[in-house]
Protein backbone atom coordinates (compact mmCIF):
# COMPACT_ATOMS: atom_id res chain seq x y z
CA MET A 1 135.68 35.82 6.53
CA GLN A 2 136.23 32.27 5.34
CA THR A 3 139.06 31.83 2.86
CA HIS A 4 140.04 28.94 0.59
CA PHE A 5 143.77 29.18 0.05
CA SER A 6 145.54 25.87 -0.47
CA PRO A 7 148.50 24.85 1.73
CA GLU A 8 150.75 25.38 -1.28
CA GLN A 9 149.44 28.91 -1.78
CA LEU A 10 150.08 29.75 1.86
CA THR A 11 153.79 29.10 1.38
CA ASP A 12 153.75 32.35 -0.61
CA GLU A 13 154.37 35.12 1.91
CA ARG A 14 152.09 37.63 0.19
CA LEU A 15 149.17 35.21 0.00
CA ALA A 16 149.72 34.15 3.61
CA THR A 17 149.59 37.81 4.67
CA ALA A 18 146.45 38.41 2.60
CA ASP A 19 144.82 35.31 4.09
CA ALA A 20 145.51 36.44 7.66
CA ILE A 21 144.02 39.87 6.98
CA LEU A 22 140.99 38.55 5.09
CA ARG A 23 140.11 36.20 7.94
CA THR A 24 139.68 39.09 10.36
CA CYS A 25 136.84 40.65 8.31
CA VAL A 26 133.35 39.73 9.60
CA HIS A 27 131.31 41.34 6.77
CA CYS A 28 129.68 43.78 9.22
CA GLY A 29 129.67 46.68 6.76
CA MET A 30 130.43 49.37 9.34
CA CYS A 31 133.22 50.55 7.05
CA THR A 32 130.75 51.53 4.35
CA SER A 33 129.29 54.38 6.39
CA THR A 34 132.65 56.13 6.70
CA CYS A 35 134.14 55.33 3.29
CA PRO A 36 134.27 58.52 1.16
CA THR A 37 133.90 56.72 -2.16
CA TYR A 38 130.95 54.62 -1.01
CA VAL A 39 129.25 57.68 0.50
CA THR A 40 129.84 59.55 -2.78
CA LEU A 41 129.16 56.81 -5.35
CA GLY A 42 126.87 54.37 -3.50
CA ASP A 43 128.48 51.32 -5.13
CA GLU A 44 129.24 48.38 -2.82
CA LEU A 45 132.36 47.63 -4.86
CA ASP A 46 133.58 51.13 -4.04
CA SER A 47 133.49 50.36 -0.33
CA PRO A 48 136.20 48.63 1.70
CA ARG A 49 134.03 45.53 2.07
CA GLY A 50 133.44 45.37 -1.68
CA ARG A 51 137.12 45.82 -2.45
CA ILE A 52 137.99 43.12 0.07
CA TYR A 53 135.72 40.68 -1.80
CA LEU A 54 137.39 41.60 -5.10
CA MET A 55 140.87 41.10 -3.67
CA LYS A 56 139.90 37.83 -1.99
CA ASP A 57 138.67 36.42 -5.28
CA MET A 58 141.75 37.66 -7.13
CA PHE A 59 144.23 36.28 -4.60
CA GLU A 60 142.51 32.93 -4.02
CA ASN A 61 142.36 32.22 -7.74
CA GLU A 62 145.79 33.72 -8.39
CA ARG A 63 144.45 35.47 -11.44
CA PRO A 64 145.72 38.66 -13.03
CA ALA A 65 143.90 41.83 -12.04
CA THR A 66 140.90 42.57 -14.23
CA LYS A 67 139.69 45.93 -15.47
CA GLU A 68 136.89 45.84 -12.87
CA VAL A 69 139.27 45.16 -9.99
CA VAL A 70 141.62 47.91 -11.16
CA GLN A 71 138.79 50.43 -11.46
CA HIS A 72 137.54 49.89 -7.91
CA LEU A 73 140.96 49.66 -6.27
CA ASP A 74 142.10 52.77 -8.13
CA ARG A 75 139.09 54.58 -6.71
CA CYS A 76 140.22 53.80 -3.15
CA LEU A 77 141.75 56.91 -1.56
CA SER A 78 143.73 54.92 1.02
CA CYS A 79 142.30 57.38 3.53
CA LEU A 80 142.00 54.48 6.03
CA SER A 81 138.81 55.83 7.56
CA CYS A 82 137.58 52.25 7.40
CA MET A 83 140.34 51.15 9.77
CA THR A 84 139.29 53.75 12.34
CA THR A 85 135.72 52.47 12.12
CA CYS A 86 136.32 48.71 11.88
CA PRO A 87 135.41 46.82 15.09
CA SER A 88 137.47 43.81 13.96
CA SER A 89 140.72 45.72 13.33
CA VAL A 90 140.99 44.56 9.72
CA ASP A 91 144.40 45.64 8.38
CA TYR A 92 142.95 47.13 5.21
CA MET A 93 146.00 49.34 4.65
CA HIS A 94 148.35 46.44 4.04
CA LEU A 95 145.75 44.42 2.16
CA VAL A 96 145.13 47.17 -0.38
CA ASP A 97 148.90 47.66 -0.68
CA LEU A 98 149.14 44.00 -1.71
CA GLY A 99 146.27 44.47 -4.15
CA ARG A 100 147.98 47.42 -5.79
CA GLN A 101 151.27 45.57 -6.08
CA HIS A 102 149.42 42.72 -7.78
CA ILE A 103 147.83 45.18 -10.21
CA GLU A 104 151.20 46.65 -11.13
CA GLU A 105 152.61 43.18 -11.75
CA THR A 106 149.72 41.60 -13.66
CA TYR A 107 147.69 44.35 -15.38
CA LYS A 108 148.70 46.41 -18.40
CA ARG A 109 147.12 49.82 -18.05
CA PRO A 110 146.09 51.92 -21.05
CA LEU A 111 149.01 53.87 -22.51
CA VAL A 112 147.91 57.30 -21.25
CA ASP A 113 147.40 55.95 -17.74
CA ARG A 114 150.81 54.28 -17.74
CA TRP A 115 152.57 57.42 -18.88
CA THR A 116 150.69 59.66 -16.45
CA ARG A 117 151.79 57.48 -13.53
CA LYS A 118 155.36 57.35 -14.81
CA LEU A 119 155.39 61.13 -15.14
CA LEU A 120 154.11 61.64 -11.59
CA ALA A 121 156.64 59.16 -10.20
CA ALA A 122 159.46 60.83 -12.14
CA LEU A 123 158.60 64.40 -11.05
CA ILE A 124 156.93 64.68 -7.64
CA PRO A 125 159.48 62.80 -5.50
CA TYR A 126 162.28 65.10 -6.76
CA HIS A 127 161.77 68.62 -5.45
CA ARG A 128 164.01 70.33 -8.02
CA ARG A 129 162.37 68.59 -10.97
CA PHE A 130 158.97 69.24 -9.47
CA GLY A 131 159.82 72.88 -8.88
CA LEU A 132 160.78 73.31 -12.54
CA ALA A 133 157.61 71.52 -13.66
CA MET A 134 155.59 73.80 -11.38
CA LYS A 135 157.11 76.90 -13.01
CA LEU A 136 156.18 75.60 -16.44
CA GLY A 137 152.72 74.73 -15.14
CA TRP A 138 152.33 78.26 -13.77
CA LEU A 139 152.83 79.63 -17.28
CA ALA A 140 150.21 77.22 -18.65
CA ARG A 141 147.76 77.64 -15.76
CA PRO A 142 145.75 80.52 -17.33
CA PHE A 143 144.92 78.18 -20.23
CA ARG A 144 143.90 75.19 -18.08
CA ALA A 145 140.33 75.25 -19.40
CA LEU A 146 141.75 74.28 -22.79
CA ALA A 147 143.58 71.23 -21.43
CA PRO A 148 142.60 68.12 -23.42
CA THR A 149 142.05 65.84 -20.39
CA ALA A 150 140.58 66.15 -16.91
CA ARG A 151 143.85 64.91 -15.44
CA MET A 152 145.85 67.64 -17.15
CA ARG A 153 143.37 70.26 -15.98
CA ALA A 154 143.66 68.89 -12.44
CA MET A 155 147.45 69.18 -12.55
CA LEU A 156 147.27 72.81 -13.67
CA GLU A 157 144.59 73.65 -11.10
CA LEU A 158 146.94 72.49 -8.34
CA VAL A 159 149.74 74.83 -9.41
CA PRO A 160 149.82 77.76 -6.93
CA GLN A 161 148.59 81.08 -8.24
CA HIS A 162 151.75 82.66 -6.84
CA LEU A 163 155.03 80.77 -7.01
CA PRO A 164 156.66 80.46 -3.57
CA GLN A 165 159.84 82.25 -2.56
CA HIS A 166 163.00 80.28 -1.82
CA GLU A 167 163.80 79.82 1.87
CA PRO A 168 167.47 80.24 2.85
CA THR A 169 167.22 77.42 5.41
CA ASP A 170 166.12 74.93 2.75
CA ARG A 171 169.48 73.20 2.61
CA PRO A 172 171.09 70.30 4.47
CA GLY A 173 172.84 71.14 7.71
CA VAL A 174 172.65 71.32 11.47
CA TYR A 175 170.61 74.19 12.90
CA GLU A 176 171.20 75.04 16.54
CA ALA A 177 168.50 75.69 19.12
CA GLU A 178 167.75 79.33 19.96
CA ALA A 179 168.96 78.77 23.52
CA GLU A 180 170.62 75.74 25.10
CA ALA A 181 169.72 72.58 23.19
CA GLN A 182 167.61 70.14 25.18
CA TYR A 183 166.80 67.80 22.32
CA ARG A 184 168.45 66.55 19.19
CA VAL A 185 166.09 65.87 16.28
CA ALA A 186 166.19 65.21 12.55
CA MET A 187 163.60 66.79 10.28
CA LEU A 188 162.24 65.28 7.07
CA PRO A 189 162.90 67.72 4.18
CA GLY A 190 160.25 66.13 1.97
CA CYS A 191 159.84 66.53 -1.77
CA ALA A 192 156.62 68.07 -3.15
CA GLN A 193 156.23 70.28 -0.09
CA ARG A 194 159.67 71.82 -0.62
CA ALA A 195 158.57 72.98 -4.07
CA LEU A 196 154.95 73.91 -3.29
CA ALA A 197 155.38 75.58 0.12
CA PRO A 198 158.96 75.89 1.42
CA SER A 199 157.61 78.20 4.13
CA ILE A 200 156.26 75.13 5.96
CA ASN A 201 159.71 73.64 6.53
CA ALA A 202 161.08 77.07 7.48
CA ALA A 203 158.35 77.55 10.08
CA THR A 204 158.80 74.03 11.41
CA LEU A 205 162.53 74.59 11.79
CA ARG A 206 162.00 77.88 13.66
CA VAL A 207 159.42 76.46 16.04
CA LEU A 208 161.66 73.48 16.83
CA GLN A 209 164.67 75.72 17.45
CA ARG A 210 162.56 77.96 19.68
CA HIS A 211 161.56 74.91 21.73
CA GLY A 212 165.08 73.78 22.54
CA CYS A 213 165.80 71.49 19.58
CA GLN A 214 169.02 71.17 17.67
CA VAL A 215 167.72 70.24 14.22
CA THR A 216 169.54 68.22 11.58
CA TYR A 217 168.19 68.75 8.09
CA PRO A 218 169.51 65.70 6.23
CA ASP A 219 170.34 65.49 2.56
CA VAL A 220 167.67 62.91 1.68
CA GLY A 221 164.95 62.64 -0.92
CA CYS A 222 161.43 61.22 -0.98
CA CYS A 223 160.30 58.84 1.76
CA GLY A 224 158.71 56.59 -0.88
CA SER A 225 155.10 57.40 -0.03
CA LEU A 226 154.04 58.49 -3.51
CA ARG A 227 155.33 55.43 -5.36
CA HIS A 228 154.25 53.07 -2.60
CA HIS A 229 150.63 54.14 -2.79
CA MET A 230 150.58 53.75 -6.56
CA GLY A 231 151.64 50.12 -6.05
CA GLN A 232 155.17 50.75 -7.28
CA ASP A 233 158.34 49.53 -5.58
CA ALA A 234 159.46 52.19 -3.10
CA LEU A 235 161.79 50.06 -1.00
CA ASP A 236 164.98 51.69 -2.28
CA GLU A 237 163.66 55.09 -1.19
CA ALA A 238 162.73 53.66 2.20
CA ARG A 239 166.20 52.12 2.59
CA ALA A 240 167.90 55.41 1.70
CA MET A 241 165.82 57.22 4.31
CA VAL A 242 166.57 54.57 6.93
CA ASP A 243 170.30 54.80 6.19
CA ALA A 244 170.29 58.59 6.58
CA ILE A 245 168.39 58.64 9.88
CA TRP A 246 170.05 55.54 11.33
CA ALA A 247 173.48 57.15 10.84
CA MET A 248 172.41 59.95 13.21
CA THR A 249 171.38 57.59 16.02
CA SER A 250 173.80 56.48 18.70
CA ALA A 251 173.31 52.86 17.58
CA GLY A 252 174.28 53.91 14.06
CA GLY A 253 177.42 55.72 15.21
CA GLY A 254 175.94 59.22 15.35
CA ALA A 255 175.38 61.65 18.21
CA GLY A 256 171.91 60.30 18.94
CA LEU A 257 168.37 61.41 18.14
CA ASP A 258 165.37 62.10 20.32
CA ALA A 259 162.96 62.19 17.38
CA PHE A 260 162.61 62.19 13.61
CA VAL A 261 160.16 65.06 13.07
CA ILE A 262 157.85 64.99 10.06
CA ASN A 263 155.51 67.81 9.04
CA ALA A 264 153.65 66.10 6.18
CA SER A 265 151.25 63.53 7.61
CA GLY A 266 151.15 61.47 4.42
CA CYS A 267 154.91 60.99 4.69
CA GLY A 268 154.61 60.29 8.40
CA THR A 269 152.20 57.43 7.82
CA THR A 270 154.64 55.79 5.41
CA VAL A 271 157.76 56.33 7.53
CA LYS A 272 156.01 54.90 10.58
CA ASP A 273 155.30 51.81 8.47
CA TYR A 274 158.95 51.22 7.53
CA GLY A 275 159.19 48.39 10.06
CA HIS A 276 156.49 46.53 8.12
CA MET A 277 157.74 47.50 4.66
CA LEU A 278 161.27 46.26 5.33
CA ALA A 279 160.48 43.45 7.77
CA ASP A 280 161.74 40.81 5.34
CA ASP A 281 165.05 42.54 4.61
CA PRO A 282 167.60 41.12 7.08
CA ASP A 283 169.93 44.07 6.56
CA TYR A 284 167.26 46.67 7.28
CA ALA A 285 164.47 45.15 9.40
CA ASP A 286 165.79 46.25 12.80
CA LYS A 287 167.04 49.63 11.59
CA ALA A 288 163.76 50.35 9.81
CA ALA A 289 161.75 49.51 12.94
CA ALA A 290 163.96 51.82 15.01
CA VAL A 291 163.59 54.71 12.54
CA ALA A 292 159.82 54.15 12.45
CA ASP A 293 159.73 54.39 16.26
CA LEU A 294 161.63 57.69 16.15
CA ALA A 295 159.19 59.22 13.63
CA LYS A 296 156.89 61.86 15.12
CA ASP A 297 154.51 64.31 13.55
CA VAL A 298 155.57 67.84 14.47
CA THR A 299 152.43 68.33 16.58
CA GLU A 300 152.99 64.98 18.28
CA TRP A 301 156.52 66.06 19.19
CA LEU A 302 155.55 69.58 20.31
CA GLU A 303 152.91 68.15 22.61
CA THR A 304 155.55 65.85 24.09
CA ILE A 305 158.06 68.62 24.85
CA GLY A 306 155.49 71.30 25.72
CA LEU A 307 154.47 74.48 23.90
CA ARG A 308 155.98 77.74 25.15
CA ALA A 309 153.79 80.71 26.06
CA ALA A 310 151.86 82.17 23.14
CA ARG A 311 151.54 85.78 22.07
CA PRO A 312 148.41 87.49 23.43
CA ASP A 313 147.14 88.62 20.02
CA ALA A 314 146.49 84.96 19.11
CA ALA A 315 143.70 84.82 21.65
CA GLY A 316 140.22 84.48 20.20
CA LEU A 317 141.12 84.08 16.54
CA ARG A 318 138.72 81.54 15.02
CA VAL A 319 140.65 78.59 13.63
CA THR A 320 139.13 75.56 11.93
CA TYR A 321 141.31 72.49 12.03
CA HIS A 322 141.11 70.06 9.12
CA SER A 323 142.54 66.71 10.16
CA ALA A 324 144.21 65.00 7.21
CA CYS A 325 143.19 61.36 6.73
CA SER A 326 146.81 60.30 7.06
CA MET A 327 146.90 62.11 10.41
CA GLN A 328 143.66 60.95 12.03
CA HIS A 329 143.32 57.51 10.41
CA GLY A 330 146.81 56.60 9.24
CA GLN A 331 148.67 57.73 12.37
CA GLN A 332 145.72 57.95 14.76
CA ILE A 333 146.84 61.44 15.84
CA LYS A 334 143.68 63.28 16.79
CA THR A 335 144.10 65.47 19.86
CA PRO A 336 147.67 66.94 19.75
CA PRO A 337 147.06 69.52 16.97
CA ILE A 338 143.82 70.72 18.58
CA THR A 339 145.36 70.79 22.06
CA LEU A 340 148.31 72.85 20.84
CA LEU A 341 146.14 75.34 18.96
CA LYS A 342 143.91 75.84 22.00
CA ARG A 343 146.94 76.19 24.25
CA ALA A 344 148.17 78.93 21.91
CA GLY A 345 144.91 80.80 22.56
CA PHE A 346 142.96 80.12 19.38
CA THR A 347 139.26 79.28 19.33
CA VAL A 348 139.26 75.95 17.52
CA SER A 349 136.48 74.31 15.51
CA GLN A 350 136.33 71.16 13.43
CA PRO A 351 134.12 70.66 10.36
CA ARG A 352 131.16 68.34 10.18
CA ASP A 353 132.00 64.91 8.77
CA GLY A 354 135.66 65.60 9.45
CA HIS A 355 136.44 61.91 8.96
CA LEU A 356 135.71 62.19 5.21
CA CYS A 357 138.61 62.88 2.86
CA CYS A 358 139.02 66.18 1.00
CA GLY A 359 139.97 64.27 -2.16
CA SER A 360 143.69 65.00 -2.17
CA ALA A 361 145.13 61.62 -1.12
CA GLY A 362 148.56 61.89 -2.70
CA THR A 363 148.01 61.78 -6.46
CA TYR A 364 144.32 60.89 -6.23
CA ASN A 365 143.12 64.38 -7.16
CA ILE A 366 145.08 64.03 -10.40
CA LEU A 367 144.30 60.39 -11.23
CA GLN A 368 140.63 60.50 -10.13
CA PRO A 369 139.73 64.18 -10.60
CA GLU A 370 135.94 63.77 -10.88
CA ILE A 371 135.54 61.96 -7.56
CA ALA A 372 138.15 64.19 -5.93
CA ASP A 373 136.23 67.31 -6.98
CA ARG A 374 133.00 65.97 -5.45
CA LEU A 375 134.77 65.27 -2.19
CA LEU A 376 136.41 68.68 -2.29
CA ALA A 377 133.07 70.47 -2.77
CA ARG A 378 131.68 68.68 0.26
CA LYS A 379 134.74 69.53 2.35
CA VAL A 380 134.70 73.22 1.41
CA GLU A 381 131.00 73.39 2.32
CA THR A 382 131.54 71.88 5.76
CA LEU A 383 134.56 74.09 6.44
CA ALA A 384 132.56 77.21 5.52
CA GLU A 385 129.88 76.24 8.06
CA THR A 386 132.38 76.86 10.86
CA VAL A 387 132.90 80.50 9.74
CA PRO A 388 136.69 80.38 10.18
CA GLN A 389 139.15 83.22 10.08
CA ILE A 390 141.95 80.73 9.46
CA ILE A 391 141.96 77.08 8.34
CA VAL A 392 144.87 74.86 9.31
CA ALA A 393 145.95 71.37 8.28
CA GLY A 394 149.01 69.19 8.77
CA ASN A 395 149.48 67.91 5.22
CA ILE A 396 150.57 69.75 2.09
CA GLY A 397 148.24 67.71 -0.12
CA CYS A 398 145.19 68.82 1.84
CA ILE A 399 146.41 72.42 1.93
CA SER A 400 146.82 72.51 -1.87
CA GLN A 401 143.53 70.74 -2.52
CA ILE A 402 141.39 72.77 -0.11
CA GLY A 403 143.10 76.01 -1.13
CA ARG A 404 142.07 75.29 -4.70
CA GLY A 405 138.51 74.58 -3.57
CA LEU A 406 138.27 77.80 -1.54
CA SER A 407 139.46 79.93 -4.45
CA GLY A 408 136.56 81.76 -6.02
CA THR A 409 133.96 80.61 -3.46
CA GLY A 410 133.78 83.87 -1.53
CA ASN A 411 135.30 82.17 1.51
CA ASN A 412 138.41 84.25 2.10
CA ALA A 413 139.78 82.25 5.03
CA PRO A 414 143.39 81.29 4.21
CA ILE A 415 144.57 77.71 4.75
CA ILE A 416 148.04 77.20 6.19
CA HIS A 417 150.04 74.50 7.93
CA THR A 418 149.59 73.96 11.66
CA ALA A 419 153.33 74.52 12.20
CA GLU A 420 153.16 77.91 10.46
CA LEU A 421 150.42 79.11 12.81
CA LEU A 422 152.15 77.72 15.90
CA ASP A 423 155.39 79.36 14.78
CA TRP A 424 153.68 82.77 14.64
CA ALA A 425 151.80 82.17 17.89
CA THR A 426 155.03 81.43 19.77
CA GLY A 427 157.03 84.36 18.47
CA GLY A 428 157.78 83.73 14.80
CA PRO A 429 156.97 85.87 11.76
CA ALA A 430 153.42 86.11 10.48
CA PRO A 431 152.73 83.77 7.52
CA ALA A 432 152.26 85.74 4.31
CA ALA A 433 148.87 84.08 3.77
CA LEU A 434 147.54 85.71 6.95
CA GLU A 435 147.99 89.28 5.74
CA GLY A 436 144.71 91.03 6.45
CA VAL A 437 143.68 88.49 9.10
CA LEU A 438 146.15 89.20 11.90
């Protein structure tokens, strides 16, 4: 793509980065066929190519974001399916990040929109606050049909029907391996997941301990993913995470780490990008790159160290694997979860059009509920076609979104995290959601 930035403009680091990315695009349009919003809405400006044109015009002319630009960039899920498809390796992820930063700096959103985003940023990254908000939401959930806005209804729909039980291992500390420790790992506690489904962290911890890992559960907060993808400054959160993990490495004065294990693929995509996010910070650039290199999805790590023998009663159970966009497109992790599930004895299927997003995408299902619901309906339909006994996914957002979509459809297959199923298959307790299936 030809660009027209002046030499003076290219002294601005952001514009120079945008220029380099824009020049790799060849207008081929292959991204449109795999973009969920273009497939759903049929508007060229709701495709990656269309959004690239909008951002090019905005950056070249150094103009504030317009209502039209904001509308179409807000509709982007950041699913990154376009990057998997693109033959020219256009770095759309970092381009749209720049576009969203520009929106936050130059566009004044309507009051309700501003306050909704502030509320989400003030609640979700803090698991205790979010847990309290979820309890209040649970009380209001029966009256969600009376909610005055679609966004408020979407928030209440995502509140679990049954509030989760506290897990005793959900606290900072060092947890020893079941037998002799062969590996030393840190595990990301997370934020929303700790409130919505603490059983996921508990299962992940058990399966890591069972596979020879001494696990450090650090006292850290959000990785910054939520704010980052709303265009807000998340660098302080990234720095705090880097400090915590770096201190455990031998280079940082700690005992050393073999991996930084993450069980929420949306968080994993962000943590693995820390080297880029903090590249211009001389105090953090090298440390951030090292922490990003240590980051591994739990399935990525389990495939590396090898899965122990599975229980025989896992054999033949029909499992449908939903690959989160942040897993298959953001991290390009495609085979490890399926390989592990098959090795555990399950019969594994994948849904048709598995590359298309379920509509969760962080806060997307709250901020863009109409489009998210259309994507969810499509996803639930394709999952049902596989006739699963169990559905698994590696991201809490997808689990919450798809679980909501399955409710009331007659499809009684439970959806749980991959780590929860692998924990049971290798000797752990049965997940509560699988009562009546196992």
